[in-house]
N, C-alpha and C. Protein backbone atom coordinates (compact mmCIF):
# COMPACT_ATOMS: atom_id res chain seq x y z
N MET A 1 -13.13 19.85 -38.77
CA MET A 1 -12.51 20.08 -37.52
C MET A 1 -13.01 21.29 -36.43
N ALA A 2 -13.43 21.02 -35.28
CA ALA A 2 -14.07 22.02 -34.93
C ALA A 2 -13.29 22.92 -34.02
N LEU A 3 -13.36 24.35 -33.72
CA LEU A 3 -12.66 25.79 -33.67
C LEU A 3 -12.48 25.44 -32.41
N THR A 4 -12.32 26.28 -31.89
CA THR A 4 -11.93 26.96 -30.50
C THR A 4 -11.69 28.89 -30.91
N VAL A 5 -12.64 29.68 -30.28
CA VAL A 5 -12.52 30.82 -30.50
C VAL A 5 -11.99 31.78 -28.88
N ARG A 6 -10.94 32.56 -29.04
CA ARG A 6 -10.98 33.14 -28.10
C ARG A 6 -11.65 34.50 -28.12
N PHE A 7 -12.05 35.05 -27.31
CA PHE A 7 -12.87 36.23 -27.02
C PHE A 7 -12.04 37.29 -25.63
N PRO A 8 -11.73 38.98 -26.10
CA PRO A 8 -11.47 39.38 -25.36
C PRO A 8 -12.66 39.33 -24.33
N LEU A 9 -12.17 39.75 -22.72
CA LEU A 9 -12.75 39.90 -21.99
C LEU A 9 -13.67 41.22 -21.62
N GLY A 10 -15.39 40.97 -21.03
CA GLY A 10 -16.17 42.10 -21.81
C GLY A 10 -16.95 42.37 -23.38
N GLN A 11 -15.99 41.34 -24.01
CA GLN A 11 -16.61 41.69 -25.46
C GLN A 11 -18.20 40.96 -25.34
N ARG A 12 -18.87 41.80 -26.14
CA ARG A 12 -20.67 40.96 -25.73
C ARG A 12 -20.66 40.27 -26.93
N ALA A 13 -21.91 38.93 -27.49
CA ALA A 13 -22.43 38.68 -27.88
C ALA A 13 -22.16 39.07 -29.27
N PHE A 14 -22.00 38.37 -30.42
CA PHE A 14 -22.27 39.12 -31.54
C PHE A 14 -23.58 38.15 -32.15
N ARG A 15 -24.33 38.85 -32.92
CA ARG A 15 -25.22 38.25 -33.44
C ARG A 15 -25.52 37.38 -34.73
N ARG A 16 -24.47 37.78 -35.41
CA ARG A 16 -24.03 37.32 -36.28
C ARG A 16 -22.63 37.21 -36.93
N ARG A 17 -22.17 35.68 -37.40
CA ARG A 17 -20.97 35.43 -37.91
C ARG A 17 -19.77 36.90 -38.42
N ARG A 18 -20.60 37.78 -39.15
CA ARG A 18 -20.18 38.78 -39.64
C ARG A 18 -19.44 39.56 -39.20
N GLY A 19 -20.42 40.29 -37.87
CA GLY A 19 -19.77 40.80 -37.17
C GLY A 19 -18.54 40.05 -35.84
N LEU A 20 -18.31 39.17 -35.63
CA LEU A 20 -16.82 38.48 -35.58
C LEU A 20 -16.25 38.64 -36.38
N ARG A 21 -16.24 37.95 -37.96
CA ARG A 21 -15.53 38.51 -38.64
C ARG A 21 -14.92 40.12 -38.90
N GLU A 22 -15.50 40.48 -38.89
CA GLU A 22 -15.68 42.28 -38.54
C GLU A 22 -14.70 42.75 -37.19
N ALA A 23 -14.53 42.70 -36.88
CA ALA A 23 -14.27 42.68 -35.35
C ALA A 23 -12.96 42.18 -34.80
N ALA A 24 -12.64 40.81 -35.82
CA ALA A 24 -11.40 40.35 -35.85
C ALA A 24 -10.76 40.84 -36.97
N ARG A 25 -11.16 41.10 -37.93
CA ARG A 25 -10.43 42.34 -38.87
C ARG A 25 -9.78 43.30 -38.57
N ARG A 26 -10.75 44.10 -37.41
CA ARG A 26 -10.34 45.07 -37.02
C ARG A 26 -9.27 45.40 -35.78
N ARG A 27 -9.22 44.18 -34.91
CA ARG A 27 -8.18 44.21 -33.97
C ARG A 27 -7.83 42.61 -34.06
N PRO A 28 -7.14 42.42 -34.80
CA PRO A 28 -6.70 41.15 -34.62
C PRO A 28 -6.33 40.25 -33.35
N SER A 29 -5.44 41.02 -32.87
CA SER A 29 -4.37 40.62 -31.59
C SER A 29 -5.42 40.37 -30.57
N ASP A 30 -6.52 40.46 -30.42
CA ASP A 30 -7.61 40.88 -29.47
C ASP A 30 -8.19 39.12 -29.44
N TYR A 31 -8.11 38.62 -30.92
CA TYR A 31 -9.55 37.35 -31.15
C TYR A 31 -8.18 36.33 -31.49
N GLY A 32 -8.01 35.25 -30.86
CA GLY A 32 -7.36 34.09 -31.65
C GLY A 32 -8.42 32.51 -32.30
N ARG A 33 -8.05 32.18 -32.68
CA ARG A 33 -8.53 30.90 -33.34
C ARG A 33 -7.38 29.71 -33.64
N ALA A 34 -7.57 28.62 -32.74
CA ALA A 34 -7.11 27.43 -33.18
C ALA A 34 -7.42 26.27 -33.18
N ARG A 35 -7.22 25.57 -34.06
CA ARG A 35 -8.09 24.26 -34.60
C ARG A 35 -7.52 22.86 -32.88
N VAL A 36 -8.83 22.54 -33.04
CA VAL A 36 -8.58 21.46 -32.23
C VAL A 36 -7.49 20.08 -32.40
N PRO A 37 -7.01 20.00 -31.75
CA PRO A 37 -5.65 19.00 -31.82
C PRO A 37 -6.40 17.73 -32.10
N TRP A 38 -5.81 16.76 -32.77
CA TRP A 38 -6.72 15.12 -32.88
C TRP A 38 -6.41 15.03 -31.46
N GLU A 39 -5.78 15.44 -30.77
CA GLU A 39 -5.40 14.62 -29.45
C GLU A 39 -6.84 14.77 -28.58
N ALA A 40 -7.06 16.21 -28.79
CA ALA A 40 -7.78 16.48 -27.99
C ALA A 40 -8.90 16.17 -28.70
N ALA A 41 -10.00 16.09 -30.01
CA ALA A 41 -10.98 15.39 -29.98
C ALA A 41 -11.00 14.05 -29.81
N PHE A 42 -9.71 13.38 -29.39
CA PHE A 42 -9.87 11.93 -29.54
C PHE A 42 -10.24 11.79 -27.82
N LEU A 43 -9.38 12.91 -26.76
CA LEU A 43 -10.01 12.97 -25.34
C LEU A 43 -11.72 13.02 -25.93
N ALA A 44 -11.72 13.88 -26.14
CA ALA A 44 -13.43 13.77 -26.50
C ALA A 44 -14.28 13.26 -26.36
N ALA A 45 -13.59 12.49 -27.08
CA ALA A 45 -14.72 11.40 -28.01
C ALA A 45 -14.58 9.91 -26.74
N LYS A 46 -13.73 9.81 -25.91
CA LYS A 46 -13.46 9.18 -25.21
C LYS A 46 -14.40 9.39 -23.66
N ALA A 47 -14.39 10.73 -23.39
CA ALA A 47 -14.93 11.19 -22.59
C ALA A 47 -16.64 11.25 -22.86
N PHE A 48 -16.95 11.68 -24.32
CA PHE A 48 -18.46 11.31 -24.54
C PHE A 48 -19.16 9.70 -24.34
N VAL A 49 -17.70 8.51 -24.79
CA VAL A 49 -18.24 7.45 -24.38
C VAL A 49 -18.38 7.34 -22.88
N ARG A 50 -17.75 7.56 -21.91
CA ARG A 50 -18.04 7.40 -20.43
C ARG A 50 -19.69 8.41 -20.09
N TYR A 51 -19.57 9.40 -20.68
CA TYR A 51 -20.60 9.95 -20.31
C TYR A 51 -21.81 8.92 -20.64
N ARG A 52 -21.69 8.16 -21.82
CA ARG A 52 -22.80 8.01 -22.50
C ARG A 52 -23.02 6.25 -21.56
N ARG A 53 -21.75 5.59 -20.96
CA ARG A 53 -22.24 4.91 -20.48
C ARG A 53 -22.69 4.91 -18.99
N ARG A 54 -22.47 5.68 -18.30
CA ARG A 54 -22.87 6.26 -16.93
C ARG A 54 -24.22 6.90 -17.39
N GLY A 55 -25.03 6.86 -18.56
CA GLY A 55 -26.53 7.18 -18.32
C GLY A 55 -26.78 8.55 -19.14
N GLY A 56 -25.70 9.15 -19.77
CA GLY A 56 -26.03 10.69 -20.47
C GLY A 56 -26.83 10.30 -21.51
N GLU A 57 -27.85 11.08 -21.85
CA GLU A 57 -28.64 10.84 -22.46
C GLU A 57 -28.24 11.86 -24.57
N GLN A 58 -27.54 12.50 -24.32
CA GLN A 58 -26.72 13.26 -25.45
C GLN A 58 -26.44 11.99 -26.25
N SER A 59 -26.94 12.46 -27.52
CA SER A 59 -26.72 11.57 -28.97
C SER A 59 -25.39 11.52 -29.54
N ALA A 60 -24.98 13.21 -29.29
CA ALA A 60 -24.13 13.26 -29.99
C ALA A 60 -22.91 14.09 -29.14
N PRO A 61 -20.91 14.09 -29.08
CA PRO A 61 -20.88 14.84 -28.24
C PRO A 61 -21.60 16.15 -28.29
N LEU A 62 -21.58 16.52 -27.06
CA LEU A 62 -21.68 18.35 -26.65
C LEU A 62 -20.50 19.05 -26.75
N PRO A 63 -20.43 20.42 -27.47
CA PRO A 63 -19.49 21.24 -27.59
C PRO A 63 -18.48 21.77 -26.46
N ASP A 64 -19.33 20.98 -25.17
CA ASP A 64 -18.30 21.32 -23.85
C ASP A 64 -17.07 19.94 -23.82
N PHE A 65 -17.80 19.03 -24.59
CA PHE A 65 -16.46 17.82 -24.49
C PHE A 65 -15.10 18.26 -24.96
N PHE A 66 -15.30 19.03 -25.93
CA PHE A 66 -14.24 19.28 -26.77
C PHE A 66 -13.61 20.72 -26.64
N ILE A 67 -14.43 21.31 -25.88
CA ILE A 67 -13.47 22.32 -24.91
C ILE A 67 -12.94 21.88 -24.07
N GLY A 68 -13.54 21.12 -23.33
CA GLY A 68 -12.95 20.24 -22.20
C GLY A 68 -11.31 19.62 -22.55
N ALA A 69 -11.07 18.76 -23.60
CA ALA A 69 -10.51 18.11 -23.85
C ALA A 69 -9.46 19.33 -24.50
N HIS A 70 -9.81 20.11 -25.20
CA HIS A 70 -8.39 20.96 -25.97
C HIS A 70 -7.97 21.61 -24.80
N ALA A 71 -8.79 21.96 -23.60
CA ALA A 71 -8.01 22.74 -22.29
C ALA A 71 -7.09 21.75 -21.98
N ALA A 72 -7.65 20.29 -21.75
CA ALA A 72 -6.44 19.39 -21.02
C ALA A 72 -5.20 19.05 -21.77
N VAL A 73 -5.83 19.15 -23.30
CA VAL A 73 -4.56 18.66 -24.03
C VAL A 73 -3.46 19.96 -23.87
N GLY A 74 -3.92 21.11 -23.80
CA GLY A 74 -3.67 22.43 -24.08
C GLY A 74 -2.39 22.68 -22.63
N ASP A 75 -3.45 22.44 -21.73
CA ASP A 75 -2.76 22.94 -20.36
C ASP A 75 -3.27 24.01 -20.34
N LEU A 76 -4.62 24.39 -20.22
CA LEU A 76 -4.87 25.40 -20.42
C LEU A 76 -6.55 25.58 -19.15
N THR A 77 -6.56 26.87 -18.93
CA THR A 77 -7.44 27.38 -17.62
C THR A 77 -9.10 27.61 -18.52
N LEU A 78 -9.97 27.05 -17.96
CA LEU A 78 -10.90 27.27 -18.56
C LEU A 78 -11.76 28.01 -17.33
N LEU A 79 -12.65 28.84 -18.07
CA LEU A 79 -13.15 30.21 -17.44
C LEU A 79 -14.79 29.74 -18.13
N THR A 80 -15.87 29.12 -16.87
CA THR A 80 -17.16 28.02 -17.00
C THR A 80 -17.99 28.20 -15.52
N ARG A 81 -18.96 28.43 -15.57
CA ARG A 81 -20.20 28.48 -14.93
C ARG A 81 -20.49 26.81 -14.76
N ASP A 82 -19.98 25.82 -15.46
CA ASP A 82 -20.40 24.59 -15.17
C ASP A 82 -19.02 23.83 -14.67
N ALA A 83 -19.01 24.14 -13.01
CA ALA A 83 -17.97 23.25 -12.94
C ALA A 83 -17.88 21.79 -12.98
N SER A 84 -18.90 21.38 -11.95
CA SER A 84 -19.23 19.87 -11.97
C SER A 84 -18.80 19.03 -13.75
N HIS A 85 -19.50 19.46 -14.71
CA HIS A 85 -19.21 18.83 -16.08
C HIS A 85 -17.92 18.57 -15.89
N HIS A 86 -17.01 19.76 -15.99
CA HIS A 86 -15.53 19.42 -16.50
C HIS A 86 -14.59 18.61 -15.32
N ARG A 87 -15.29 19.12 -13.82
CA ARG A 87 -14.48 18.26 -12.64
C ARG A 87 -14.80 16.69 -13.53
N THR A 88 -15.97 16.57 -13.40
CA THR A 88 -16.16 14.77 -13.77
C THR A 88 -15.63 14.32 -15.39
N HIS A 89 -15.42 15.01 -15.99
CA HIS A 89 -15.41 14.50 -17.07
C HIS A 89 -13.61 14.82 -18.00
N PHE A 90 -13.13 15.96 -16.86
CA PHE A 90 -11.31 16.84 -17.91
C PHE A 90 -11.32 16.91 -15.61
N PRO A 91 -10.81 15.98 -14.90
CA PRO A 91 -10.27 16.47 -13.68
C PRO A 91 -8.80 17.22 -13.52
N THR A 92 -8.32 17.19 -14.61
CA THR A 92 -6.72 17.80 -14.68
C THR A 92 -6.90 19.05 -15.33
N VAL A 93 -8.41 19.48 -15.52
CA VAL A 93 -8.61 21.01 -16.22
C VAL A 93 -8.66 21.97 -14.78
N GLY A 94 -7.77 23.25 -14.66
CA GLY A 94 -8.15 23.80 -14.07
C GLY A 94 -8.90 25.08 -14.53
N LEU A 95 -9.72 25.31 -12.93
CA LEU A 95 -10.98 26.00 -13.75
C LEU A 95 -10.94 27.46 -13.08
N ALA A 96 -11.58 28.12 -13.80
CA ALA A 96 -12.13 29.79 -13.06
C ALA A 96 -13.35 29.83 -13.11
N THR A 97 -14.04 30.07 -11.87
CA THR A 97 -15.51 29.99 -11.67
C THR A 97 -16.26 30.94 -11.06
N PRO A 98 -16.71 31.58 -11.20
CA PRO A 98 -17.77 32.77 -10.91
C PRO A 98 -17.63 32.19 -9.09
N ASP A 99 -17.65 31.48 -8.28
CA ASP A 99 -18.29 31.19 -7.06
C ASP A 99 -16.42 30.71 -6.69
N ALA A 100 -14.93 30.98 -6.94
CA ALA A 100 -14.03 30.66 -6.95
C ALA A 100 -13.47 31.93 -5.96
């Protein structure tokens, strides 16, 4: 099952998984990890089927479908630069965007 990882704001990208594991071990309160609920996985699959029926070309669900579905069932706000994707597939999800 896919996982969602929350990073502290301002954190630079990690080049290797080991860097993330070490940072999380040093400051566990700054990092969170939650399993994607079955309800979110189901919603992601339904959104992906709609995407394909509308002519989407990807053959496997994109991570954005799981992220959007997880936010939808968890009543979470997403920080994203791709607002149109999330508004199309998950219209109930609150979005925080650079242009907002």
